[in-house]
Amino acid sequence: MYTSPALPDTRPMSHEALFDQAVNLAYQTFDEPTDGHIAGVYAVLVFWARCGVSVDALALH
């Protein structure tokens, strides 16, 4: 379970904004991102948005 001393940001998430962010992050991270790369980044962004966390960067392994 995610715990943080700060209150989570519980604004409604915009799936379109999250998808745009996923595309931008994928193109910044991968030389030639595929649909799979973008979908993976999007899934992580949706997960963290549901937890109330805004993500500006990802660590991908």
Protein backbone atom coordinates (compact mmCIF):
# COMPACT_ATOMS: atom_id res chain seq x y z
CA MET A 1 0.00 0.00 0.00
CA TYR A 2 1.26 3.47 -0.88
CA THR A 3 1.78 5.71 2.11
CA SER A 4 2.90 9.32 2.05
CA PRO A 5 3.00 12.07 4.66
CA ALA A 6 1.52 14.44 2.04
CA LEU A 7 -2.14 14.40 1.13
CA PRO A 8 -2.74 12.77 -2.26
CA ASP A 9 -3.86 14.85 -5.20
CA THR A 10 -7.34 13.48 -5.82
CA ARG A 11 -8.38 15.64 -8.76
CA PRO A 12 -10.28 13.73 -11.45
CA MET A 13 -7.79 12.30 -13.93
CA SER A 14 -8.07 13.10 -17.62
CA HIS A 15 -7.30 9.99 -19.63
CA GLU A 16 -6.51 12.15 -22.65
CA ALA A 17 -3.98 14.20 -20.67
CA LEU A 18 -2.44 11.02 -19.22
CA PHE A 19 -2.16 9.51 -22.71
CA ASP A 20 -0.51 12.67 -24.05
CA GLN A 21 1.94 12.57 -21.14
CA ALA A 22 2.62 8.88 -21.81
CA VAL A 23 3.41 9.60 -25.47
CA ASN A 24 5.77 12.44 -24.49
CA LEU A 25 7.56 10.34 -21.85
CA ALA A 26 7.88 7.38 -24.23
CA TYR A 27 9.44 9.54 -26.95
CA GLN A 28 11.84 11.09 -24.41
CA THR A 29 12.87 7.67 -23.09
CA PHE A 30 13.00 5.35 -26.10
CA ASP A 31 14.73 5.90 -29.46
CA GLU A 32 11.83 4.42 -31.42
CA PRO A 33 8.88 3.86 -29.07
CA THR A 34 6.29 1.31 -30.11
CA ASP A 35 2.62 1.16 -29.17
CA GLY A 36 3.69 -1.28 -26.45
CA HIS A 37 6.08 1.26 -24.95
CA ILE A 38 3.40 3.94 -24.92
CA ALA A 39 0.80 1.54 -23.46
CA GLY A 40 3.22 0.51 -20.72
CA VAL A 41 4.01 4.09 -19.75
CA TYR A 42 0.29 4.93 -19.85
CA ALA A 43 -0.52 2.02 -17.52
CA VAL A 44 2.02 3.27 -14.98
CA LEU A 45 0.65 6.83 -15.19
CA VAL A 46 -2.92 5.60 -14.68
CA PHE A 47 -1.85 3.52 -11.67
CA TRP A 48 -0.14 6.48 -9.99
CA ALA A 49 -3.00 8.84 -10.89
CA ARG A 50 -5.41 6.48 -9.11
CA CYS A 51 -3.12 6.68 -6.08
CA GLY A 52 -3.30 10.47 -6.29
CA VAL A 53 0.32 10.94 -7.33
CA SER A 54 1.38 13.21 -10.17
CA VAL A 55 4.26 11.73 -12.18
CA ASP A 56 6.73 13.82 -14.15
CA ALA A 57 9.37 11.13 -14.71
CA LEU A 58 9.57 7.35 -14.70
CA ALA A 59 12.36 4.92 -13.96
CA LEU A 60 12.01 2.07 -16.45
CA HIS A 61 13.95 -1.17 -16.22
